[in-house]
Amino acid sequence: MSNCHVTLKTLRDRIEALVEFAPFMHNYLNKRKIRHAFYVINQGDNFRFNRGALINIGYIESRAECDHICMHDVDTIPVNPNITYPYPEKGPFHVSSPDIHPRNHYKSFVGGILIIRNEHFKELNGFSNRYWGWGAEDDDFGIRMRTKRLTQQPRDKTGLKTLKYDVLGRYVIKIGNTPVNIINVKLSCNPKDTPWCVKPEEHKKYIDQGLITTSKLTNG
């Protein structure tokens, strides 16, 4: 298996960012002679956004092609030409570390751009699938990395082993001369377990059907 660089982008209503991102990163990585492929995992259901589950899917869908992944926000690009995207030989490598990220400066931040080998991602059981809506999944993954230390088990058993999804379609598009793999997926959510996966405008429908209760929504 070749050491190619897979950038996994989660996308919802960010087409404009992708159009700018893909050619820029294609050129940036080519100049540094870094083999790479781009994967966009697009959530095609009507649940709230679940970035952690989408990254898990990206790992699964790309692992036959490459041996490490780069989890890359579509609205983040390197502005310093000295920023590198190395093969994470010694462990996960945080490209957008707190000391250089323009917005997130807290010490435990691991979001934005993170490179990790497939075997380490699998060992951590990937991301938790329970974070519906924006935020917190990165912090949870950071805790998994800190508590694992290659010997302990992650504290949260949800992840790759519990992931359920359907592929709605696979496509390869070109943005300029940059090929991008688009995978549309439908996530699985049990509203009785995680009622916060339901969008606020859908609450009444689910409550009327007895699938969720107002108390669970409040607790979630």
N, C-alpha and C. Protein backbone atom coordinates (compact mmCIF):
# COMPACT_ATOMS: atom_id res chain seq x y z
N MET A 1 0.85 -1.20 0.00
CA MET A 1 0.00 0.00 0.00
C MET A 1 0.89 1.25 0.00
N SER A 2 0.54 2.19 -0.81
CA SER A 2 1.36 3.40 -0.92
C SER A 2 1.05 4.39 0.20
N ASN A 3 2.03 5.25 0.48
CA ASN A 3 1.86 6.27 1.50
C ASN A 3 1.20 7.50 0.90
N CYS A 4 -0.08 7.38 0.55
CA CYS A 4 -0.75 8.55 0.00
C CYS A 4 -1.44 9.33 1.10
N HIS A 5 -1.71 10.57 0.77
CA HIS A 5 -2.27 11.50 1.74
C HIS A 5 -3.75 11.69 1.42
N VAL A 6 -4.60 11.25 2.34
CA VAL A 6 -6.03 11.36 2.13
C VAL A 6 -6.58 12.48 2.99
N THR A 7 -7.18 13.46 2.34
CA THR A 7 -7.82 14.54 3.08
C THR A 7 -9.31 14.25 3.13
N LEU A 8 -9.83 14.16 4.33
CA LEU A 8 -11.25 13.87 4.52
C LEU A 8 -11.96 15.16 4.88
N LYS A 9 -12.91 15.55 4.07
CA LYS A 9 -13.63 16.78 4.33
C LYS A 9 -15.10 16.46 4.57
N THR A 10 -15.63 16.97 5.66
CA THR A 10 -17.06 16.86 5.90
C THR A 10 -17.70 18.12 5.38
N LEU A 11 -18.80 17.98 4.70
CA LEU A 11 -19.36 19.10 3.96
C LEU A 11 -20.87 19.17 4.14
N ARG A 12 -21.35 20.33 4.52
CA ARG A 12 -22.78 20.60 4.52
C ARG A 12 -22.96 22.08 4.23
N ASP A 13 -23.52 22.39 3.06
CA ASP A 13 -23.73 23.77 2.62
C ASP A 13 -22.42 24.55 2.53
N ARG A 14 -21.34 23.89 2.06
CA ARG A 14 -20.05 24.57 1.95
C ARG A 14 -19.41 24.30 0.59
N ILE A 15 -20.19 24.32 -0.44
CA ILE A 15 -19.69 24.07 -1.79
C ILE A 15 -18.66 25.12 -2.18
N GLU A 16 -18.94 26.38 -1.86
CA GLU A 16 -18.02 27.46 -2.23
C GLU A 16 -16.64 27.23 -1.60
N ALA A 17 -16.62 26.77 -0.35
CA ALA A 17 -15.35 26.51 0.32
C ALA A 17 -14.61 25.37 -0.36
N LEU A 18 -15.33 24.34 -0.79
CA LEU A 18 -14.70 23.20 -1.46
C LEU A 18 -14.08 23.62 -2.79
N VAL A 19 -14.77 24.47 -3.53
CA VAL A 19 -14.27 24.93 -4.83
C VAL A 19 -12.94 25.67 -4.67
N GLU A 20 -12.78 26.38 -3.57
CA GLU A 20 -11.52 27.07 -3.31
C GLU A 20 -10.49 26.12 -2.72
N PHE A 21 -10.95 25.23 -1.84
CA PHE A 21 -10.04 24.37 -1.09
C PHE A 21 -9.32 23.35 -1.97
N ALA A 22 -10.07 22.60 -2.77
CA ALA A 22 -9.50 21.46 -3.49
C ALA A 22 -8.34 21.85 -4.41
N PRO A 23 -8.51 22.84 -5.32
CA PRO A 23 -7.37 23.20 -6.18
C PRO A 23 -6.18 23.74 -5.40
N PHE A 24 -6.46 24.52 -4.35
CA PHE A 24 -5.38 25.09 -3.55
C PHE A 24 -4.55 23.98 -2.91
N MET A 25 -5.23 23.02 -2.25
CA MET A 25 -4.51 21.97 -1.57
C MET A 25 -3.84 21.00 -2.56
N HIS A 26 -4.47 20.78 -3.69
CA HIS A 26 -3.88 19.93 -4.72
C HIS A 26 -2.53 20.49 -5.15
N ASN A 27 -2.49 21.79 -5.39
CA ASN A 27 -1.26 22.46 -5.79
C ASN A 27 -0.25 22.48 -4.63
N TYR A 28 -0.74 22.76 -3.44
CA TYR A 28 0.13 22.86 -2.25
C TYR A 28 0.83 21.53 -1.99
N LEU A 29 0.10 20.43 -2.06
CA LEU A 29 0.68 19.12 -1.80
C LEU A 29 1.55 18.64 -2.95
N ASN A 30 1.16 18.95 -4.19
CA ASN A 30 1.98 18.57 -5.34
C ASN A 30 3.36 19.23 -5.28
N LYS A 31 3.41 20.49 -4.88
CA LYS A 31 4.68 21.20 -4.78
C LYS A 31 5.62 20.53 -3.78
N ARG A 32 5.04 19.87 -2.80
CA ARG A 32 5.82 19.21 -1.76
C ARG A 32 5.98 17.72 -2.03
N LYS A 33 5.53 17.31 -3.23
CA LYS A 33 5.64 15.91 -3.68
C LYS A 33 4.98 14.94 -2.69
N ILE A 34 3.82 15.33 -2.20
CA ILE A 34 3.05 14.50 -1.28
C ILE A 34 1.91 13.86 -2.05
N ARG A 35 1.94 12.55 -2.17
CA ARG A 35 0.85 11.85 -2.86
C ARG A 35 -0.42 12.01 -2.03
N HIS A 36 -1.54 12.21 -2.70
CA HIS A 36 -2.76 12.51 -1.96
C HIS A 36 -4.01 12.17 -2.76
N ALA A 37 -5.10 12.05 -2.05
CA ALA A 37 -6.42 11.89 -2.64
C ALA A 37 -7.39 12.66 -1.76
N PHE A 38 -8.45 13.18 -2.37
CA PHE A 38 -9.42 13.96 -1.62
C PHE A 38 -10.74 13.19 -1.53
N TYR A 39 -11.28 13.12 -0.32
CA TYR A 39 -12.57 12.50 -0.07
C TYR A 39 -13.49 13.50 0.62
N VAL A 40 -14.65 13.68 0.07
CA VAL A 40 -15.69 14.48 0.72
C VAL A 40 -16.80 13.53 1.15
N ILE A 41 -17.08 13.49 2.44
CA ILE A 41 -18.15 12.66 2.96
C ILE A 41 -19.33 13.58 3.24
N ASN A 42 -20.35 13.46 2.43
CA ASN A 42 -21.47 14.39 2.46
C ASN A 42 -22.68 13.76 3.12
N GLN A 43 -23.17 14.38 4.18
CA GLN A 43 -24.32 13.83 4.92
C GLN A 43 -25.61 14.17 4.19
N GLY A 44 -26.29 13.13 3.68
CA GLY A 44 -27.48 13.34 2.86
C GLY A 44 -28.79 13.04 3.55
N ASP A 45 -28.78 12.89 4.88
CA ASP A 45 -30.03 12.65 5.60
C ASP A 45 -30.57 13.96 6.17
N ASN A 46 -31.58 13.87 7.01
CA ASN A 46 -32.21 15.07 7.57
C ASN A 46 -31.93 15.22 9.05
N PHE A 47 -30.89 14.52 9.54
CA PHE A 47 -30.51 14.66 10.94
C PHE A 47 -29.57 15.85 11.10
N ARG A 48 -29.27 16.19 12.34
CA ARG A 48 -28.28 17.23 12.59
C ARG A 48 -26.91 16.72 12.14
N PHE A 49 -26.02 17.65 11.88
CA PHE A 49 -24.69 17.33 11.37
C PHE A 49 -23.91 16.50 12.39
N ASN A 50 -23.21 15.47 11.91
CA ASN A 50 -22.42 14.61 12.79
C ASN A 50 -21.03 14.44 12.19
N ARG A 51 -20.14 15.35 12.52
CA ARG A 51 -18.80 15.35 11.93
C ARG A 51 -18.01 14.10 12.32
N GLY A 52 -18.14 13.66 13.57
CA GLY A 52 -17.40 12.49 14.02
C GLY A 52 -17.75 11.25 13.22
N ALA A 53 -19.05 11.02 13.01
CA ALA A 53 -19.48 9.85 12.24
C ALA A 53 -19.00 9.95 10.80
N LEU A 54 -19.02 11.15 10.23
CA LEU A 54 -18.59 11.32 8.85
C LEU A 54 -17.10 11.06 8.69
N ILE A 55 -16.30 11.47 9.67
CA ILE A 55 -14.87 11.17 9.62
C ILE A 55 -14.64 9.66 9.73
N ASN A 56 -15.41 9.01 10.59
CA ASN A 56 -15.31 7.55 10.68
C ASN A 56 -15.59 6.89 9.33
N ILE A 57 -16.62 7.39 8.64
CA ILE A 57 -16.96 6.86 7.32
C ILE A 57 -15.82 7.13 6.33
N GLY A 58 -15.24 8.31 6.41
CA GLY A 58 -14.12 8.64 5.53
C GLY A 58 -12.96 7.68 5.71
N TYR A 59 -12.66 7.33 6.94
CA TYR A 59 -11.60 6.35 7.21
C TYR A 59 -11.95 5.01 6.56
N ILE A 60 -13.18 4.55 6.76
CA ILE A 60 -13.59 3.25 6.22
C ILE A 60 -13.53 3.25 4.69
N GLU A 61 -14.01 4.32 4.08
CA GLU A 61 -14.09 4.38 2.62
C GLU A 61 -12.73 4.57 1.96
N SER A 62 -11.75 5.10 2.67
CA SER A 62 -10.45 5.39 2.06
C SER A 62 -9.35 4.41 2.45
N ARG A 63 -9.58 3.54 3.41
CA ARG A 63 -8.50 2.72 3.95
C ARG A 63 -7.94 1.72 2.95
N ALA A 64 -8.72 1.34 1.94
CA ALA A 64 -8.20 0.41 0.94
C ALA A 64 -7.17 1.09 0.04
N GLU A 65 -7.25 2.41 -0.06
CA GLU A 65 -6.35 3.15 -0.94
C GLU A 65 -5.12 3.66 -0.22
N CYS A 66 -5.27 4.08 1.01
CA CYS A 66 -4.17 4.75 1.71
C CYS A 66 -4.00 4.23 3.13
N ASP A 67 -2.83 4.51 3.68
CA ASP A 67 -2.52 3.99 5.01
C ASP A 67 -2.55 5.05 6.10
N HIS A 68 -2.88 6.29 5.76
CA HIS A 68 -3.10 7.31 6.78
C HIS A 68 -4.07 8.35 6.24
N ILE A 69 -4.68 9.07 7.16
CA ILE A 69 -5.68 10.06 6.75
C ILE A 69 -5.34 11.42 7.35
N CYS A 70 -5.82 12.44 6.69
CA CYS A 70 -5.73 13.80 7.21
C CYS A 70 -7.15 14.32 7.34
N MET A 71 -7.58 14.52 8.56
CA MET A 71 -8.92 15.07 8.81
C MET A 71 -8.82 16.58 8.68
N HIS A 72 -9.42 17.12 7.66
CA HIS A 72 -9.17 18.51 7.26
C HIS A 72 -10.47 19.27 7.10
N ASP A 73 -10.64 20.32 7.92
CA ASP A 73 -11.82 21.18 7.74
C ASP A 73 -11.74 21.86 6.37
N VAL A 74 -12.87 21.93 5.69
CA VAL A 74 -12.88 22.46 4.34
C VAL A 74 -12.65 23.97 4.31
N ASP A 75 -12.87 24.64 5.42
CA ASP A 75 -12.69 26.09 5.47
C ASP A 75 -11.34 26.49 6.09
N THR A 76 -10.40 25.55 6.14
CA THR A 76 -9.09 25.82 6.72
C THR A 76 -8.01 25.44 5.71
N ILE A 77 -7.15 26.40 5.39
CA ILE A 77 -6.04 26.14 4.48
C ILE A 77 -4.76 26.72 5.07
N PRO A 78 -3.60 26.15 4.74
CA PRO A 78 -2.34 26.68 5.29
C PRO A 78 -1.95 27.98 4.60
N VAL A 79 -1.69 29.01 5.38
CA VAL A 79 -1.28 30.30 4.83
C VAL A 79 0.23 30.50 4.95
N ASN A 80 0.87 29.68 5.78
CA ASN A 80 2.32 29.72 5.94
C ASN A 80 2.93 28.62 5.07
N PRO A 81 3.76 28.95 4.08
CA PRO A 81 4.32 27.93 3.18
C PRO A 81 5.21 26.92 3.88
N ASN A 82 5.60 27.20 5.13
CA ASN A 82 6.45 26.28 5.87
C ASN A 82 5.65 25.19 6.58
N ILE A 83 4.33 25.29 6.56
CA ILE A 83 3.50 24.27 7.18
C ILE A 83 3.58 23.00 6.35
N THR A 84 3.86 21.90 7.02
CA THR A 84 4.03 20.62 6.32
C THR A 84 2.90 19.65 6.67
N TYR A 85 2.77 18.65 5.83
CA TYR A 85 1.79 17.58 6.04
C TYR A 85 2.55 16.24 6.02
N PRO A 86 3.32 15.98 7.07
CA PRO A 86 4.21 14.81 7.05
C PRO A 86 3.46 13.50 7.30
N TYR A 87 4.09 12.41 6.92
CA TYR A 87 3.58 11.10 7.29
C TYR A 87 3.72 10.95 8.80
N PRO A 88 2.64 10.59 9.51
CA PRO A 88 2.68 10.56 10.99
C PRO A 88 3.37 9.32 11.53
N GLU A 89 4.66 9.23 11.31
CA GLU A 89 5.43 8.04 11.66
C GLU A 89 5.38 7.74 13.16
N LYS A 90 5.50 8.78 13.99
CA LYS A 90 5.60 8.56 15.43
C LYS A 90 4.28 8.70 16.16
N GLY A 91 3.21 8.96 15.43
CA GLY A 91 1.91 9.13 16.07
C GLY A 91 1.16 10.29 15.42
N PRO A 92 -0.06 10.57 15.86
CA PRO A 92 -0.86 11.64 15.25
C PRO A 92 -0.11 12.96 15.21
N PHE A 93 -0.25 13.67 14.08
CA PHE A 93 0.43 14.95 13.89
C PHE A 93 -0.63 16.03 13.68
N HIS A 94 -0.63 17.05 14.56
CA HIS A 94 -1.62 18.12 14.49
C HIS A 94 -1.05 19.27 13.67
N VAL A 95 -1.54 19.41 12.44
CA VAL A 95 -1.04 20.46 11.55
C VAL A 95 -1.46 21.83 12.05
N SER A 96 -2.72 21.96 12.45
CA SER A 96 -3.25 23.26 12.92
C SER A 96 -3.24 23.30 14.44
N SER A 97 -2.06 23.17 15.01
CA SER A 97 -1.93 23.15 16.47
C SER A 97 -2.34 24.50 17.06
N PRO A 98 -2.67 24.55 18.36
CA PRO A 98 -3.19 25.78 18.97
C PRO A 98 -2.27 26.99 18.80
N ASP A 99 -0.97 26.77 18.69
CA ASP A 99 -0.05 27.91 18.60
C ASP A 99 -0.08 28.59 17.23
N ILE A 100 -0.69 27.92 16.20
CA ILE A 100 -0.74 28.54 14.88
C ILE A 100 -2.16 28.71 14.36
N HIS A 101 -3.15 28.09 15.02
CA HIS A 101 -4.52 28.21 14.53
C HIS A 101 -5.04 29.60 14.83
N PRO A 102 -5.71 30.25 13.85
CA PRO A 102 -6.13 31.65 14.05
C PRO A 102 -7.23 31.84 15.09
N ARG A 103 -8.01 30.79 15.38
CA ARG A 103 -9.16 30.98 16.28
C ARG A 103 -9.09 30.11 17.53
N ASN A 104 -8.65 28.88 17.40
CA ASN A 104 -8.68 27.96 18.53
C ASN A 104 -7.30 27.85 19.16
N HIS A 105 -7.17 28.45 20.34
CA HIS A 105 -5.85 28.55 20.97
C HIS A 105 -5.73 27.70 22.23
N TYR A 106 -6.80 27.01 22.64
CA TYR A 106 -6.71 26.27 23.89
C TYR A 106 -5.83 25.03 23.73
N LYS A 107 -5.14 24.68 24.79
CA LYS A 107 -4.06 23.70 24.75
C LYS A 107 -4.50 22.33 24.23
N SER A 108 -5.74 21.92 24.56
CA SER A 108 -6.18 20.57 24.21
C SER A 108 -6.81 20.47 22.82
N PHE A 109 -6.80 21.57 22.06
CA PHE A 109 -7.43 21.59 20.73
C PHE A 109 -6.72 20.63 19.77
N VAL A 110 -7.49 19.73 19.14
CA VAL A 110 -6.92 18.80 18.15
C VAL A 110 -7.70 18.84 16.84
N GLY A 111 -8.55 19.84 16.67
CA GLY A 111 -9.38 19.92 15.48
C GLY A 111 -8.68 20.63 14.34
N GLY A 112 -9.46 20.97 13.31
CA GLY A 112 -8.92 21.69 12.17
C GLY A 112 -8.26 20.77 11.16
N ILE A 113 -7.00 20.39 11.43
CA ILE A 113 -6.23 19.52 10.54
C ILE A 113 -5.42 18.55 11.38
N LEU A 114 -5.74 17.29 11.32
CA LEU A 114 -5.03 16.28 12.10
C LEU A 114 -4.71 15.08 11.21
N ILE A 115 -3.46 14.64 11.22
CA ILE A 115 -3.03 13.49 10.42
C ILE A 115 -2.79 12.30 11.35
N ILE A 116 -3.31 11.15 10.96
CA ILE A 116 -3.18 9.96 11.80
C ILE A 116 -3.10 8.71 10.94
N ARG A 117 -2.28 7.77 11.36
CA ARG A 117 -2.17 6.50 10.64
C ARG A 117 -3.42 5.66 10.85
N ASN A 118 -3.74 4.85 9.86
CA ASN A 118 -4.95 4.04 9.93
C ASN A 118 -4.99 3.14 11.16
N GLU A 119 -3.85 2.51 11.46
CA GLU A 119 -3.85 1.58 12.59
C GLU A 119 -4.11 2.28 13.91
N HIS A 120 -3.66 3.54 14.04
CA HIS A 120 -3.92 4.29 15.26
C HIS A 120 -5.38 4.73 15.33
N PHE A 121 -5.94 5.12 14.20
CA PHE A 121 -7.35 5.52 14.17
C PHE A 121 -8.22 4.34 14.57
N LYS A 122 -7.90 3.17 14.03
CA LYS A 122 -8.66 1.96 14.37
C LYS A 122 -8.49 1.61 15.84
N GLU A 123 -7.28 1.75 16.35
CA GLU A 123 -7.01 1.41 17.74
C GLU A 123 -7.81 2.29 18.70
N LEU A 124 -8.04 3.54 18.30
CA LEU A 124 -8.82 4.47 19.12
C LEU A 124 -10.33 4.28 18.93
N ASN A 125 -10.71 3.37 18.03
CA ASN A 125 -12.12 3.17 17.68
C ASN A 125 -12.71 4.41 17.03
N GLY A 126 -11.85 5.21 16.39
CA GLY A 126 -12.32 6.39 15.68
C GLY A 126 -12.95 7.42 16.59
N PHE A 127 -13.86 8.19 16.01
CA PHE A 127 -14.58 9.23 16.74
C PHE A 127 -15.85 8.66 17.37
N SER A 128 -16.33 9.32 18.39
CA SER A 128 -17.65 8.99 18.93
C SER A 128 -18.71 9.37 17.90
N ASN A 129 -19.77 8.56 17.80
CA ASN A 129 -20.88 8.86 16.89
C ASN A 129 -22.02 9.61 17.56
N ARG A 130 -21.84 10.00 18.81
CA ARG A 130 -22.94 10.54 19.60
C ARG A 130 -23.02 12.07 19.59
N TYR A 131 -22.10 12.73 18.88
CA TYR A 131 -22.10 14.19 18.86
C TYR A 131 -22.84 14.69 17.62
N TRP A 132 -24.10 15.04 17.80
CA TRP A 132 -24.92 15.57 16.71
C TRP A 132 -24.99 17.09 16.87
N GLY A 133 -24.67 17.81 15.80
CA GLY A 133 -24.54 19.25 15.90
C GLY A 133 -23.06 19.60 15.91
N TRP A 134 -22.74 20.88 15.85
CA TRP A 134 -21.36 21.29 15.73
C TRP A 134 -20.64 21.26 17.08
N GLY A 135 -19.40 20.82 17.06
CA GLY A 135 -18.52 20.94 18.21
C GLY A 135 -18.46 19.72 19.10
N ALA A 136 -17.44 19.66 19.94
CA ALA A 136 -17.21 18.70 21.02
C ALA A 136 -16.61 17.37 20.55
N GLU A 137 -16.85 16.96 19.29
CA GLU A 137 -16.32 15.66 18.86
C GLU A 137 -14.79 15.68 18.81
N ASP A 138 -14.19 16.82 18.48
CA ASP A 138 -12.72 16.92 18.47
C ASP A 138 -12.15 16.77 19.88
N ASP A 139 -12.78 17.45 20.84
CA ASP A 139 -12.30 17.36 22.21
C ASP A 139 -12.41 15.93 22.73
N ASP A 140 -13.49 15.25 22.37
CA ASP A 140 -13.66 13.86 22.78
C ASP A 140 -12.55 12.99 22.17
N PHE A 141 -12.23 13.23 20.90
CA PHE A 141 -11.18 12.45 20.25
C PHE A 141 -9.83 12.74 20.89
N GLY A 142 -9.62 13.99 21.29
CA GLY A 142 -8.38 14.33 21.99
C GLY A 142 -8.25 13.57 23.30
N ILE A 143 -9.37 13.42 24.01
CA ILE A 143 -9.36 12.64 25.25
C ILE A 143 -9.03 11.19 24.95
N ARG A 144 -9.60 10.66 23.85
CA ARG A 144 -9.28 9.28 23.47
C ARG A 144 -7.79 9.11 23.24
N MET A 145 -7.18 10.07 22.56
CA MET A 145 -5.75 9.96 22.28
C MET A 145 -4.93 10.05 23.56
N ARG A 146 -5.32 10.94 24.46
CA ARG A 146 -4.54 11.11 25.70
C ARG A 146 -4.71 9.94 26.65
N THR A 147 -5.91 9.36 26.72
CA THR A 147 -6.15 8.28 27.68
C THR A 147 -5.73 6.92 27.13
N LYS A 148 -5.66 6.80 25.82
CA LYS A 148 -5.29 5.52 25.22
C LYS A 148 -3.84 5.16 25.52
N ARG A 149 -2.95 6.04 25.10
CA ARG A 149 -1.50 5.85 25.29
C ARG A 149 -1.05 4.45 24.86
N LEU A 150 -1.71 3.93 23.83
CA LEU A 150 -1.37 2.66 23.20
C LEU A 150 -1.56 1.43 24.11
N THR A 151 -2.09 1.63 25.32
CA THR A 151 -2.30 0.49 26.21
C THR A 151 -3.71 0.44 26.78
N GLN A 152 -4.32 1.61 27.04
CA GLN A 152 -5.63 1.64 27.65
C GLN A 152 -6.73 1.66 26.58
N GLN A 153 -7.93 1.30 26.97
CA GLN A 153 -9.06 1.34 26.06
C GLN A 153 -9.72 2.72 26.11
N PRO A 154 -10.23 3.22 24.98
CA PRO A 154 -10.95 4.50 25.02
C PRO A 154 -12.12 4.44 25.99
N ARG A 155 -12.45 5.57 26.59
CA ARG A 155 -13.51 5.60 27.59
C ARG A 155 -14.88 5.42 26.99
N ASP A 156 -15.04 5.76 25.71
CA ASP A 156 -16.35 5.72 25.06
C ASP A 156 -16.34 4.62 24.00
N LYS A 157 -17.22 3.64 24.14
CA LYS A 157 -17.21 2.49 23.23
C LYS A 157 -17.86 2.80 21.88
N THR A 158 -18.57 3.89 21.77
CA THR A 158 -19.16 4.22 20.48
C THR A 158 -18.07 4.72 19.54
N GLY A 159 -18.19 4.34 18.28
CA GLY A 159 -17.16 4.72 17.32
C GLY A 159 -17.25 3.84 16.10
N LEU A 160 -16.10 3.43 15.56
CA LEU A 160 -16.07 2.59 14.36
C LEU A 160 -16.89 1.32 14.53
N LYS A 161 -16.79 0.72 15.74
CA LYS A 161 -17.45 -0.57 15.96
C LYS A 161 -18.97 -0.45 16.02
N THR A 162 -19.49 0.73 16.27
CA THR A 162 -20.94 0.89 16.38
C THR A 162 -21.52 1.73 15.24
N LEU A 163 -20.67 2.11 14.29
CA LEU A 163 -21.11 2.98 13.19
C LEU A 163 -22.04 2.25 12.23
N LYS A 164 -23.15 2.91 11.89
CA LYS A 164 -24.08 2.38 10.89
C LYS A 164 -24.42 3.50 9.90
N TYR A 165 -24.31 3.18 8.61
CA TYR A 165 -24.63 4.17 7.59
C TYR A 165 -24.92 3.47 6.28
N ASP A 166 -25.59 4.19 5.40
CA ASP A 166 -25.86 3.72 4.04
C ASP A 166 -25.21 4.67 3.05
N VAL A 167 -24.60 4.11 2.02
CA VAL A 167 -24.03 4.94 0.94
C VAL A 167 -25.13 5.23 -0.07
N LEU A 168 -25.39 6.51 -0.29
CA LEU A 168 -26.42 6.92 -1.25
C LEU A 168 -25.85 7.06 -2.65
N GLY A 169 -24.54 7.26 -2.76
CA GLY A 169 -23.91 7.37 -4.07
C GLY A 169 -22.45 7.72 -3.94
N ARG A 170 -21.65 7.27 -4.91
CA ARG A 170 -20.23 7.59 -4.98
C ARG A 170 -19.93 8.24 -6.32
N TYR A 171 -19.20 9.34 -6.30
CA TYR A 171 -18.89 10.07 -7.53
C TYR A 171 -17.46 10.59 -7.46
N VAL A 172 -16.86 10.77 -8.61
CA VAL A 172 -15.58 11.48 -8.71
C VAL A 172 -15.83 12.69 -9.58
N ILE A 173 -15.61 13.87 -9.04
CA ILE A 173 -15.79 15.11 -9.80
C ILE A 173 -14.42 15.78 -9.95
N LYS A 174 -14.33 16.68 -10.88
CA LYS A 174 -13.10 17.46 -11.04
C LYS A 174 -13.41 18.93 -10.82
N ILE A 175 -12.63 19.53 -9.95
CA ILE A 175 -12.70 20.98 -9.72
C ILE A 175 -11.42 21.54 -10.33
N GLY A 176 -11.53 22.12 -11.51
CA GLY A 176 -10.35 22.45 -12.29
C GLY A 176 -9.71 21.15 -12.72
N ASN A 177 -8.45 20.94 -12.34
CA ASN A 177 -7.78 19.67 -12.66
C ASN A 177 -7.63 18.79 -11.42
N THR A 178 -8.44 19.07 -10.40
CA THR A 178 -8.33 18.35 -9.13
C THR A 178 -9.45 17.32 -8.98
N PRO A 179 -9.13 16.03 -8.95
CA PRO A 179 -10.17 15.01 -8.74
C PRO A 179 -10.57 14.94 -7.27
N VAL A 180 -11.86 14.84 -7.03
CA VAL A 180 -12.39 14.78 -5.66
C VAL A 180 -13.41 13.64 -5.58
N ASN A 181 -13.22 12.75 -4.63
CA ASN A 181 -14.17 11.67 -4.39
C ASN A 181 -15.31 12.19 -3.51
N ILE A 182 -16.53 12.12 -4.02
CA ILE A 182 -17.71 12.53 -3.26
C ILE A 182 -18.47 11.27 -2.87
N ILE A 183 -18.72 11.11 -1.59
CA ILE A 183 -19.50 9.98 -1.10
C ILE A 183 -20.67 10.53 -0.29
N ASN A 184 -21.87 10.36 -0.82
CA ASN A 184 -23.07 10.79 -0.12
C ASN A 184 -23.55 9.66 0.78
N VAL A 185 -23.82 9.98 2.03
CA VAL A 185 -24.19 8.94 2.99
C VAL A 185 -25.42 9.34 3.78
N LYS A 186 -26.07 8.34 4.29
CA LYS A 186 -27.20 8.52 5.21
C LYS A 186 -26.81 7.89 6.54
N LEU A 187 -26.79 8.71 7.58
CA LEU A 187 -26.42 8.20 8.89
C LEU A 187 -27.60 7.52 9.57
N SER A 188 -27.26 6.72 10.57
CA SER A 188 -28.29 6.03 11.34
C SER A 188 -28.38 6.68 12.71
N CYS A 189 -29.60 6.96 13.15
CA CYS A 189 -29.80 7.57 14.47
C CYS A 189 -30.99 6.92 15.15
N ASN A 190 -30.81 6.55 16.39
CA ASN A 190 -31.90 6.06 17.22
C ASN A 190 -32.35 7.22 18.11
N PRO A 191 -33.47 7.88 17.79
CA PRO A 191 -33.87 9.06 18.56
C PRO A 191 -34.18 8.78 20.01
N LYS A 192 -34.45 7.52 20.35
CA LYS A 192 -34.68 7.20 21.75
C LYS A 192 -33.38 7.17 22.53
N ASP A 193 -32.28 6.91 21.83
CA ASP A 193 -30.96 6.89 22.46
C ASP A 193 -30.31 8.26 22.43
N THR A 194 -30.30 8.89 21.27
CA THR A 194 -29.71 10.23 21.12
C THR A 194 -30.72 11.16 20.47
N PRO A 195 -31.72 11.63 21.21
CA PRO A 195 -32.76 12.48 20.62
C PRO A 195 -32.22 13.80 20.07
N TRP A 196 -31.01 14.19 20.50
CA TRP A 196 -30.43 15.44 20.00
C TRP A 196 -29.95 15.33 18.56
N CYS A 197 -30.10 14.13 17.95
CA CYS A 197 -29.79 14.03 16.51
C CYS A 197 -30.89 14.68 15.67
N VAL A 198 -32.04 14.88 16.26
CA VAL A 198 -33.19 15.43 15.53
C VAL A 198 -33.09 16.95 15.47
N LYS A 199 -33.31 17.51 14.31
CA LYS A 199 -33.30 18.96 14.15
C LYS A 199 -34.44 19.59 14.93
N PRO A 200 -34.26 20.78 15.49
CA PRO A 200 -35.32 21.42 16.28
C PRO A 200 -36.66 21.52 15.57
N GLU A 201 -36.62 21.78 14.26
CA GLU A 201 -37.88 21.92 13.53
C GLU A 201 -38.62 20.59 13.37
N GLU A 202 -37.92 19.48 13.67
CA GLU A 202 -38.53 18.16 13.56
C GLU A 202 -39.01 17.62 14.92
N HIS A 203 -38.75 18.36 15.99
CA HIS A 203 -39.05 17.86 17.33
C HIS A 203 -40.51 17.47 17.49
N LYS A 204 -41.42 18.34 17.08
CA LYS A 204 -42.85 18.09 17.30
C LYS A 204 -43.28 16.79 16.62
N LYS A 205 -42.81 16.56 15.41
CA LYS A 205 -43.18 15.35 14.69
C LYS A 205 -42.73 14.11 15.45
N TYR A 206 -41.52 14.12 15.96
CA TYR A 206 -41.00 12.97 16.69
C TYR A 206 -41.71 12.80 18.04
N ILE A 207 -42.03 13.92 18.69
CA ILE A 207 -42.75 13.85 19.96
C ILE A 207 -44.14 13.28 19.75
N ASP A 208 -44.83 13.73 18.69
CA ASP A 208 -46.17 13.24 18.39
C ASP A 208 -46.17 11.73 18.10
N GLN A 209 -45.08 11.25 17.53
CA GLN A 209 -44.98 9.83 17.22
C GLN A 209 -44.48 9.00 18.41
N GLY A 210 -44.20 9.67 19.51
CA GLY A 210 -43.73 8.97 20.71
C GLY A 210 -42.28 8.52 20.63
N LEU A 211 -41.51 9.05 19.69
CA LEU A 211 -40.11 8.62 19.50
C LEU A 211 -39.15 9.35 20.43
N ILE A 212 -39.52 10.56 20.83
CA ILE A 212 -38.70 11.31 21.79
C ILE A 212 -39.64 12.02 22.77
N THR A 213 -39.07 12.43 23.91
CA THR A 213 -39.85 13.18 24.89
C THR A 213 -39.19 14.53 25.13
N THR A 214 -39.94 15.49 25.60
CA THR A 214 -39.39 16.81 25.85
C THR A 214 -38.35 16.75 26.95
N SER A 215 -38.51 15.86 27.93
CA SER A 215 -37.53 15.75 29.01
C SER A 215 -36.19 15.27 28.48
N LYS A 216 -36.20 14.31 27.54
CA LYS A 216 -34.93 13.83 26.98
C LYS A 216 -34.25 14.89 26.16
N LEU A 217 -35.03 15.69 25.44
CA LEU A 217 -34.46 16.77 24.66
C LEU A 217 -33.76 17.77 25.59
N THR A 218 -34.40 18.05 26.72
CA THR A 218 -33.82 18.97 27.68
C THR A 218 -32.54 18.42 28.29
N ASN A 219 -32.57 17.12 28.63
CA ASN A 219 -31.38 16.48 29.21
C ASN A 219 -30.24 16.36 28.22
N GLY A 220 -30.61 16.17 26.91
CA GLY A 220 -29.56 16.03 25.91
C GLY A 220 -28.87 17.32 25.62
